[in-house]
N, C-alpha and C. Protein backbone atom coordinates (compact mmCIF):
# COMPACT_ATOMS: atom_id res chain seq x y z
N MET A 1 82.99 82.21 125.50
CA MET A 1 82.69 81.65 124.26
C MET A 1 82.51 80.27 124.36
N ASN A 2 81.85 79.80 123.23
CA ASN A 2 81.67 78.35 123.46
C ASN A 2 82.52 77.79 122.35
N ALA A 3 83.22 76.64 122.86
CA ALA A 3 84.31 75.91 121.91
C ALA A 3 83.43 75.32 120.69
N ASP A 4 82.08 74.89 120.90
CA ASP A 4 81.50 74.11 119.77
C ASP A 4 81.02 75.12 118.62
N ARG A 5 81.11 76.46 119.11
CA ARG A 5 80.33 77.17 118.17
C ARG A 5 81.57 78.03 117.30
N GLU A 6 82.99 77.97 117.87
CA GLU A 6 83.79 78.50 117.08
C GLU A 6 84.50 77.68 116.03
N PRO A 7 84.57 77.97 114.66
CA PRO A 7 85.11 77.09 113.90
C PRO A 7 86.80 76.92 113.84
N ASN A 8 87.15 76.09 113.27
CA ASN A 8 88.73 76.25 113.12
C ASN A 8 89.46 77.17 112.56
N ARG A 9 89.86 78.01 113.24
CA ARG A 9 90.54 79.34 112.65
C ARG A 9 92.09 79.43 112.87
N LEU A 10 92.69 79.98 112.06
CA LEU A 10 94.15 80.50 112.25
C LEU A 10 94.20 81.32 113.64
N PRO A 11 94.79 81.05 114.56
CA PRO A 11 95.06 82.40 115.79
C PRO A 11 95.42 83.42 115.08
N LEU A 12 94.97 84.43 115.49
CA LEU A 12 95.83 85.85 115.35
C LEU A 12 96.96 85.72 115.49
N ARG A 13 97.61 85.63 116.03
CA ARG A 13 99.05 85.46 116.47
C ARG A 13 99.70 84.92 115.14
N ALA A 14 99.29 83.89 115.10
CA ALA A 14 99.97 82.91 113.61
C ALA A 14 99.44 83.69 112.58
N GLY A 15 98.55 84.21 112.27
CA GLY A 15 98.17 84.87 110.83
C GLY A 15 99.27 86.25 110.84
N ALA A 16 99.41 86.86 111.93
CA ALA A 16 100.48 88.11 112.12
C ALA A 16 101.80 87.94 111.60
N MET A 17 102.21 86.42 112.01
CA MET A 17 103.52 85.95 111.78
C MET A 17 103.84 85.56 110.31
N LEU A 18 102.71 85.17 109.88
CA LEU A 18 102.80 84.67 108.39
C LEU A 18 102.79 86.02 107.49
N LEU A 19 102.01 86.74 107.63
CA LEU A 19 102.13 88.34 107.21
C LEU A 19 103.57 89.05 107.32
N LEU A 20 104.06 88.81 108.62
CA LEU A 20 105.35 89.19 108.95
C LEU A 20 106.43 88.65 107.72
N ALA A 21 106.35 87.17 107.96
CA ALA A 21 107.28 86.53 107.19
C ALA A 21 107.08 86.84 105.86
N VAL A 22 105.78 86.84 104.85
CA VAL A 22 105.78 87.30 103.65
C VAL A 22 106.28 88.65 103.25
N ALA A 23 106.51 89.74 104.41
CA ALA A 23 107.13 90.88 104.07
C ALA A 23 108.26 90.98 104.09
N VAL A 24 108.88 89.86 105.04
CA VAL A 24 110.41 90.00 104.97
C VAL A 24 110.64 89.63 103.59
N VAL A 25 109.98 88.50 102.91
CA VAL A 25 110.59 88.03 101.86
C VAL A 25 110.46 88.95 100.53
N PHE A 26 109.24 89.99 100.46
CA PHE A 26 109.34 90.96 99.68
C PHE A 26 110.35 91.91 99.84
N ILE A 27 110.75 92.23 100.79
CA ILE A 27 112.01 93.34 101.14
C ILE A 27 113.30 92.61 100.96
N GLY A 28 113.52 91.60 101.09
CA GLY A 28 114.76 90.69 100.76
C GLY A 28 114.62 91.07 99.22
N LEU A 29 113.61 90.69 98.35
CA LEU A 29 113.78 90.50 97.12
C LEU A 29 113.91 91.64 96.50
N GLY A 30 113.28 92.80 96.93
CA GLY A 30 113.69 94.47 96.54
C GLY A 30 115.06 94.85 96.63
N TRP A 31 115.32 94.40 97.86
CA TRP A 31 117.05 94.74 98.15
C TRP A 31 117.78 94.13 97.40
N ASN A 32 117.54 92.94 96.84
CA ASN A 32 118.26 92.09 96.15
C ASN A 32 118.28 92.77 94.55
N SER A 33 117.29 93.12 94.25
CA SER A 33 117.08 93.63 92.86
C SER A 33 117.67 95.28 92.80
N ALA A 34 117.58 95.67 93.69
CA ALA A 34 118.21 97.19 93.76
C ALA A 34 119.65 97.12 93.89
N ALA A 35 120.17 96.25 94.55
CA ALA A 35 121.63 96.06 94.77
C ALA A 35 122.04 95.39 93.23
N LYS A 36 121.53 94.77 92.56
CA LYS A 36 122.04 94.24 91.39
C LYS A 36 121.68 95.33 90.30
N SER A 37 120.80 95.96 90.21
CA SER A 37 120.48 97.07 89.18
C SER A 37 121.68 98.07 89.09
N ASP A 38 122.24 98.35 90.15
CA ASP A 38 123.58 99.29 90.40
C ASP A 38 124.80 98.76 89.72
N ASP A 39 124.99 97.50 89.68
CA ASP A 39 126.23 96.84 89.21
C ASP A 39 126.53 96.83 87.98
N GLU A 40 125.55 96.95 86.57
CA GLU A 40 125.69 96.99 85.58
C GLU A 40 125.86 98.59 84.96
N THR A 41 126.95 98.87 83.99
CA THR A 41 127.13 100.20 83.37
C THR A 41 126.02 100.03 82.14
N PRO A 42 125.56 101.36 81.65
CA PRO A 42 124.79 101.28 80.74
C PRO A 42 125.26 100.32 79.60
N GLN A 43 126.21 100.41 79.25
CA GLN A 43 127.06 99.68 78.10
C GLN A 43 126.44 98.26 78.16
N GLU A 44 126.48 97.62 79.55
CA GLU A 44 126.33 96.33 79.91
C GLU A 44 124.79 95.85 79.70
N LYS A 45 124.05 96.85 80.03
CA LYS A 45 122.58 96.94 80.10
C LYS A 45 121.88 96.94 78.74
N LEU A 46 122.97 97.75 77.66
CA LEU A 46 122.15 97.63 76.45
C LEU A 46 122.55 96.29 75.90
N ALA A 47 123.86 95.83 76.32
CA ALA A 47 124.36 94.61 75.34
C ALA A 47 123.47 93.28 75.95
N ASN A 48 123.12 93.49 77.29
CA ASN A 48 122.20 92.15 77.87
C ASN A 48 120.54 92.38 77.35
N ASN A 49 120.31 93.55 76.56
CA ASN A 49 118.73 93.67 76.44
C ASN A 49 118.77 93.95 74.90
N PRO A 50 119.21 93.35 73.71
CA PRO A 50 119.80 93.69 72.33
C PRO A 50 118.35 93.76 71.61
N ALA A 51 117.39 93.05 72.33
CA ALA A 51 115.86 93.37 71.39
C ALA A 51 115.48 94.79 71.79
N GLN A 52 115.54 95.28 72.88
CA GLN A 52 115.06 96.32 73.20
C GLN A 52 115.83 97.61 72.31
N THR A 53 117.05 97.53 71.97
CA THR A 53 117.54 98.62 71.21
C THR A 53 117.13 98.87 69.53
N THR A 54 116.25 97.96 69.20
CA THR A 54 115.81 98.11 67.91
C THR A 54 114.13 98.56 67.83
N SER A 55 113.70 98.64 68.86
CA SER A 55 112.37 99.30 68.80
C SER A 55 112.51 100.79 69.16
N VAL A 56 112.70 101.52 67.90
CA VAL A 56 112.72 103.09 68.14
C VAL A 56 111.63 103.61 67.25
N THR A 57 111.06 104.64 67.80
CA THR A 57 109.97 105.68 67.09
C THR A 57 110.75 106.99 66.73
N SER A 58 110.42 107.12 65.64
CA SER A 58 111.07 108.43 65.04
C SER A 58 110.04 109.51 65.52
N GLU A 59 110.69 110.71 66.06
CA GLU A 59 110.23 111.84 66.48
C GLU A 59 109.57 112.80 65.43
N SER A 60 110.03 112.46 64.21
CA SER A 60 109.60 113.19 62.84
C SER A 60 109.37 112.44 61.87
N THR A 61 108.99 112.91 60.95
CA THR A 61 108.49 112.17 59.93
C THR A 61 109.79 112.08 58.46
N ALA A 62 110.93 113.06 58.98
CA ALA A 62 112.04 113.18 57.78
C ALA A 62 112.54 111.84 57.75
N PRO A 63 113.21 111.53 56.57
CA PRO A 63 113.96 110.22 56.46
C PRO A 63 114.93 110.20 57.40
N SER A 64 115.20 109.00 57.85
CA SER A 64 116.79 108.84 58.49
C SER A 64 117.88 109.05 57.52
N GLY A 65 119.09 109.72 58.21
CA GLY A 65 120.11 110.21 57.56
C GLY A 65 120.44 111.64 57.07
N THR A 66 119.16 112.20 57.24
CA THR A 66 119.09 113.78 56.33
C THR A 66 119.56 114.66 57.37
N GLU A 67 119.87 115.78 56.75
CA GLU A 67 120.23 116.85 57.45
C GLU A 67 119.31 117.66 58.11
N PRO A 68 118.90 117.89 59.48
CA PRO A 68 117.89 118.88 59.72
C PRO A 68 118.04 120.44 58.96
N ALA A 69 116.94 120.85 58.91
CA ALA A 69 117.05 122.21 58.24
C ALA A 69 117.69 123.26 59.53
N GLY A 70 118.45 124.04 58.85
CA GLY A 70 119.09 125.08 59.56
C GLY A 70 120.52 124.73 60.05
N SER A 71 120.95 123.45 59.56
CA SER A 71 122.54 123.10 59.88
C SER A 71 123.37 124.25 59.63
N PRO A 72 124.20 124.24 60.73
CA PRO A 72 125.25 125.24 60.68
C PRO A 72 126.32 124.84 59.60
N THR A 73 126.78 126.00 58.67
CA THR A 73 127.67 125.91 57.92
C THR A 73 129.00 125.87 58.26
N SER A 74 129.50 126.30 59.51
CA SER A 74 130.60 126.18 59.92
C SER A 74 130.59 125.77 61.37
N THR A 75 131.76 125.01 61.69
CA THR A 75 131.66 124.51 63.07
C THR A 75 132.97 125.32 63.95
N PRO A 76 132.63 125.37 65.28
CA PRO A 76 133.55 125.80 66.27
C PRO A 76 134.73 124.72 66.33
N ALA A 77 135.94 125.09 66.64
CA ALA A 77 137.22 124.35 66.56
C ALA A 77 136.84 122.95 67.45
N ASP A 78 136.18 123.21 68.50
CA ASP A 78 135.74 122.13 69.58
C ASP A 78 134.98 120.95 68.60
N ALA A 79 134.10 121.48 67.97
CA ALA A 79 133.34 120.41 67.34
C ALA A 79 133.96 120.04 65.83
N ALA A 80 134.91 120.41 65.42
CA ALA A 80 135.22 120.27 63.97
C ALA A 80 135.69 118.83 63.75
N ASP A 81 136.29 118.06 64.83
CA ASP A 81 136.74 116.81 64.57
C ASP A 81 135.57 115.82 65.57
N VAL A 82 134.49 116.25 65.47
CA VAL A 82 133.34 115.25 66.21
C VAL A 82 132.52 114.59 65.27
N PRO A 83 132.56 113.42 65.51
CA PRO A 83 131.70 112.71 64.14
C PRO A 83 130.27 113.19 64.30
N LYS A 84 129.32 112.98 63.37
CA LYS A 84 127.86 113.30 63.37
C LYS A 84 127.07 112.48 64.54
N LEU A 85 126.40 113.29 65.12
CA LEU A 85 125.50 112.81 66.42
C LEU A 85 124.26 112.37 65.96
N CYS A 86 123.91 111.43 66.60
CA CYS A 86 122.40 110.73 66.77
C CYS A 86 121.71 110.89 68.14
N VAL A 87 121.10 111.56 68.25
CA VAL A 87 120.40 111.83 69.56
C VAL A 87 119.12 111.10 69.87
N LEU A 88 119.07 110.11 70.88
CA LEU A 88 117.79 109.32 71.11
C LEU A 88 117.23 109.50 72.52
N ASN A 89 115.91 109.68 72.64
CA ASN A 89 115.21 109.86 73.88
C ASN A 89 114.88 108.49 74.41
N ALA A 90 115.57 108.29 75.72
CA ALA A 90 115.14 107.14 76.47
C ALA A 90 114.27 107.39 77.71
N GLY A 91 113.95 108.53 77.96
CA GLY A 91 113.41 109.25 79.00
C GLY A 91 111.96 109.46 78.69
N SER A 92 111.11 109.95 79.47
CA SER A 92 109.68 109.91 79.40
C SER A 92 109.26 111.41 79.13
N THR A 93 110.01 112.15 78.74
CA THR A 93 109.85 113.68 78.40
C THR A 93 109.72 113.47 76.84
N LYS A 94 108.55 114.00 76.52
CA LYS A 94 108.45 113.90 75.04
C LYS A 94 109.07 115.11 74.13
N GLY A 95 109.81 115.03 73.07
CA GLY A 95 110.32 115.97 72.51
C GLY A 95 111.82 116.17 73.04
N LEU A 96 112.20 115.44 73.93
CA LEU A 96 113.50 115.41 74.61
C LEU A 96 114.75 115.47 73.49
N ALA A 97 114.83 114.55 72.57
CA ALA A 97 115.66 114.06 71.89
C ALA A 97 115.71 115.30 70.87
N LYS A 98 114.72 116.00 70.56
CA LYS A 98 114.88 116.80 69.42
C LYS A 98 115.43 118.23 70.09
N GLN A 99 114.93 118.61 71.47
CA GLN A 99 115.26 119.64 72.20
C GLN A 99 116.81 119.58 72.28
N VAL A 100 117.42 118.56 72.75
CA VAL A 100 118.80 118.60 73.17
C VAL A 100 119.64 118.47 71.63
N SER A 101 119.17 118.07 70.43
CA SER A 101 119.50 117.83 69.30
C SER A 101 119.77 119.10 68.96
N ASP A 102 118.79 120.14 69.02
CA ASP A 102 118.90 121.50 68.73
C ASP A 102 119.75 122.30 69.18
N GLN A 103 120.02 121.96 70.72
CA GLN A 103 120.91 122.75 71.61
C GLN A 103 122.42 122.39 71.27
N LEU A 104 122.63 121.12 70.83
CA LEU A 104 123.74 120.77 70.22
C LEU A 104 124.46 121.15 69.00
N GLN A 105 123.20 120.99 68.08
CA GLN A 105 123.79 121.94 66.62
C GLN A 105 123.65 123.27 66.68
N ALA A 106 123.08 124.14 67.82
CA ALA A 106 123.34 125.55 68.22
C ALA A 106 124.89 125.40 68.39
N GLU A 107 125.40 124.66 69.32
CA GLU A 107 126.57 124.76 69.75
C GLU A 107 127.63 124.45 68.60
N GLY A 108 127.47 123.88 67.52
CA GLY A 108 128.27 123.70 66.31
C GLY A 108 128.50 122.07 65.85
N PHE A 109 127.57 121.41 66.45
CA PHE A 109 127.81 120.03 66.30
C PHE A 109 126.86 119.48 65.05
N THR A 110 127.24 118.56 64.39
CA THR A 110 126.37 118.32 63.33
C THR A 110 125.70 117.03 63.87
N ILE A 111 124.34 116.98 63.47
CA ILE A 111 123.38 115.95 63.80
C ILE A 111 123.26 115.09 62.49
N GLY A 112 123.45 114.07 62.62
CA GLY A 112 123.28 112.93 61.51
C GLY A 112 121.95 112.32 61.37
N THR A 113 121.55 111.45 61.91
CA THR A 113 120.12 110.87 62.03
C THR A 113 119.58 111.61 62.93
N GLU A 114 117.80 111.68 62.34
CA GLU A 114 117.02 112.63 62.94
C GLU A 114 116.67 112.11 64.28
N PRO A 115 116.62 112.79 65.09
CA PRO A 115 116.12 112.56 66.89
C PRO A 115 115.06 111.79 66.82
N GLY A 116 115.31 110.64 67.59
CA GLY A 116 114.04 109.74 67.74
C GLY A 116 114.33 109.22 69.32
N ASN A 117 113.31 108.17 69.33
CA ASN A 117 112.92 107.67 70.86
C ASN A 117 113.40 106.29 70.83
N LEU A 118 114.19 106.00 72.18
CA LEU A 118 114.87 104.36 72.08
C LEU A 118 114.08 103.96 73.51
N SER A 119 113.25 102.97 72.90
CA SER A 119 112.36 102.28 73.80
C SER A 119 113.16 101.12 74.51
N THR A 120 113.89 101.80 75.86
CA THR A 120 114.65 100.71 76.67
C THR A 120 114.38 101.08 78.28
N SER A 121 114.62 100.45 79.03
CA SER A 121 114.73 100.65 80.36
C SER A 121 116.24 100.29 80.79
N SER A 122 116.80 99.91 80.00
CA SER A 122 118.51 99.61 80.43
C SER A 122 119.31 100.88 80.51
N VAL A 123 119.20 102.20 80.14
CA VAL A 123 119.94 103.22 80.10
C VAL A 123 119.02 104.17 81.21
N THR A 124 119.32 104.50 82.09
CA THR A 124 118.97 105.46 83.13
C THR A 124 119.53 106.77 83.34
N GLU A 125 120.35 106.88 82.60
CA GLU A 125 121.10 108.17 82.59
C GLU A 125 121.33 108.63 81.41
N ASN A 126 121.70 110.22 81.21
CA ASN A 126 122.03 110.59 79.92
C ASN A 126 123.65 109.77 79.45
N THR A 127 123.60 109.34 78.42
CA THR A 127 124.89 108.42 78.20
C THR A 127 125.14 108.65 76.65
N ILE A 128 126.61 108.80 76.18
CA ILE A 128 127.00 108.87 74.76
C ILE A 128 127.98 107.73 74.68
N PHE A 129 127.22 106.88 73.87
CA PHE A 129 128.22 105.59 73.41
C PHE A 129 129.07 105.93 72.08
N TYR A 130 130.10 105.54 72.23
CA TYR A 130 131.26 105.97 71.32
C TYR A 130 131.77 104.56 70.47
N GLY A 131 132.15 104.87 69.46
CA GLY A 131 133.15 103.66 68.57
C GLY A 131 134.50 103.90 69.08
N GLU A 132 135.38 103.03 68.42
CA GLU A 132 136.74 102.96 68.69
C GLU A 132 137.37 104.14 68.23
N GLY A 133 138.34 104.88 68.98
CA GLY A 133 138.98 105.97 68.45
C GLY A 133 138.13 107.30 68.91
N GLU A 134 137.03 107.20 69.13
CA GLU A 134 136.14 108.38 69.72
C GLU A 134 135.54 108.86 71.09
N GLU A 135 136.35 108.34 71.79
CA GLU A 135 136.33 108.68 73.30
C GLU A 135 136.74 110.27 73.21
N ASP A 136 137.24 110.76 72.78
CA ASP A 136 137.77 112.34 72.95
C ASP A 136 136.91 112.97 72.43
N ALA A 137 136.25 112.41 71.33
CA ALA A 137 135.08 113.33 70.80
C ALA A 137 133.94 113.06 71.52
N ALA A 138 133.51 112.11 72.15
CA ALA A 138 132.38 112.05 73.05
C ALA A 138 132.41 112.66 74.20
N LYS A 139 133.72 112.98 74.84
CA LYS A 139 134.19 114.03 76.02
C LYS A 139 133.57 115.18 75.88
N LYS A 140 133.77 115.51 74.39
CA LYS A 140 133.60 116.83 73.79
C LYS A 140 132.00 117.16 74.14
N VAL A 141 131.59 116.23 73.14
CA VAL A 141 129.80 116.23 73.51
C VAL A 141 129.17 116.11 74.96
N ALA A 142 129.88 115.50 75.73
CA ALA A 142 129.56 115.33 76.81
C ALA A 142 129.44 116.50 77.25
N GLU A 143 130.52 117.24 77.57
CA GLU A 143 130.31 118.98 78.24
C GLU A 143 129.28 119.51 77.65
N SER A 144 128.72 119.40 76.52
CA SER A 144 127.67 120.15 76.01
C SER A 144 126.30 119.84 76.14
N VAL A 145 126.08 118.76 76.52
CA VAL A 145 124.69 117.64 76.81
C VAL A 145 124.19 118.55 77.99
N PRO A 146 122.91 119.04 77.88
CA PRO A 146 122.17 119.87 79.13
C PRO A 146 122.33 118.53 80.20
N GLY A 147 122.73 118.91 81.51
CA GLY A 147 122.85 117.69 82.43
C GLY A 147 123.77 117.30 82.46
N GLY A 148 124.83 117.15 81.70
CA GLY A 148 126.08 116.46 81.40
C GLY A 148 125.66 114.79 81.19
N ALA A 149 126.79 114.04 80.67
CA ALA A 149 126.34 112.73 80.41
C ALA A 149 127.63 111.75 80.46
N SER A 150 127.27 110.68 80.85
CA SER A 150 128.29 109.56 80.82
C SER A 150 128.73 109.12 79.71
N LEU A 151 130.10 108.59 79.48
CA LEU A 151 130.52 107.79 78.58
C LEU A 151 130.59 106.37 78.47
N ALA A 152 130.31 105.63 77.74
CA ALA A 152 130.43 104.21 77.29
C ALA A 152 130.57 104.00 76.13
N GLU A 153 131.65 102.79 76.12
CA GLU A 153 131.72 102.09 74.81
C GLU A 153 130.26 101.41 74.09
N ARG A 154 130.13 101.67 72.81
CA ARG A 154 129.43 101.35 72.25
C ARG A 154 129.36 99.86 72.03
N PRO A 155 128.21 99.15 72.46
CA PRO A 155 127.86 97.74 72.71
C PRO A 155 127.76 97.44 70.95
N ALA A 156 128.54 96.09 70.83
CA ALA A 156 128.49 95.50 69.32
C ALA A 156 126.92 95.39 68.94
N THR A 157 126.06 94.86 69.93
CA THR A 157 124.55 94.50 69.49
C THR A 157 123.91 95.79 69.18
N PHE A 158 124.35 96.98 69.31
CA PHE A 158 123.71 98.31 69.21
C PHE A 158 124.04 98.80 67.82
N THR A 159 123.30 98.43 66.66
CA THR A 159 123.32 98.83 65.49
C THR A 159 123.02 100.08 64.99
N ARG A 160 122.08 100.84 65.65
CA ARG A 160 121.50 101.91 65.18
C ARG A 160 122.33 103.16 65.03
N CYS A 161 122.41 103.76 64.36
CA CYS A 161 123.09 104.78 63.81
C CYS A 161 124.42 104.71 63.71
N ALA A 162 124.43 103.89 62.86
CA ALA A 162 126.02 103.29 62.42
C ALA A 162 126.90 104.39 62.14
N GLY A 163 128.23 104.59 62.51
CA GLY A 163 129.26 105.55 62.11
C GLY A 163 128.90 106.80 62.85
N GLU A 164 128.05 106.78 63.79
CA GLU A 164 127.62 108.22 64.74
C GLU A 164 127.72 107.83 65.83
N LEU A 165 128.37 109.06 66.69
CA LEU A 165 127.94 108.92 68.14
C LEU A 165 126.78 109.06 68.76
N VAL A 166 126.41 108.13 69.45
CA VAL A 166 124.98 108.00 69.94
C VAL A 166 124.77 108.75 71.53
N VAL A 167 123.69 109.69 71.43
CA VAL A 167 123.77 110.49 72.55
C VAL A 167 122.26 110.13 73.12
N VAL A 168 122.28 109.35 73.98
CA VAL A 168 121.11 108.89 74.82
C VAL A 168 120.77 109.87 75.93
N VAL A 169 119.50 110.42 75.59
CA VAL A 169 119.32 111.18 76.61
C VAL A 169 117.75 110.71 77.72
N VAL A 170 117.87 110.96 78.95
CA VAL A 170 116.99 110.43 79.83
C VAL A 170 116.40 111.91 80.43
N THR A 171 117.15 112.66 80.84
CA THR A 171 116.67 113.86 81.56
C THR A 171 117.63 115.06 80.83
N SER A 172 117.01 116.54 80.96
CA SER A 172 117.70 117.51 80.53
C SER A 172 118.39 118.14 81.72
């Protein structure tokens, strides 16, 4: 090769090293992000993202706070001391909140607010948010949620479904 004809180019070895350095940086950032995402509980994630908890789209046109048709007239002893439930879908399965709501209602639990969607990425597993003194009731509901559910204290910033146990479903 003639040296006069070759433009000034980055040698092949230097280009490969540069690409390797960029790949290492991106792998490090991904690893750091994955490690940090597991540290927060669902309660902390909701508390850190209060703006996301207010963006809710209802799955039905019934006004909020009305009893769904076919509400049970009597409840089993297990569900008798459980407050009304508010079931919200934070997953990607359309109609999941309504499906879980119907299953819980069939087991004798009372549904308060109509099922709806919760637009948030901070809840990644089925979770029941409970208020002060409602942990035992939340445990009873968690046993009946399809696929199970974890429990977390309700963050003060989560004002939706006041006075109800909030069942956030992601999967069934």
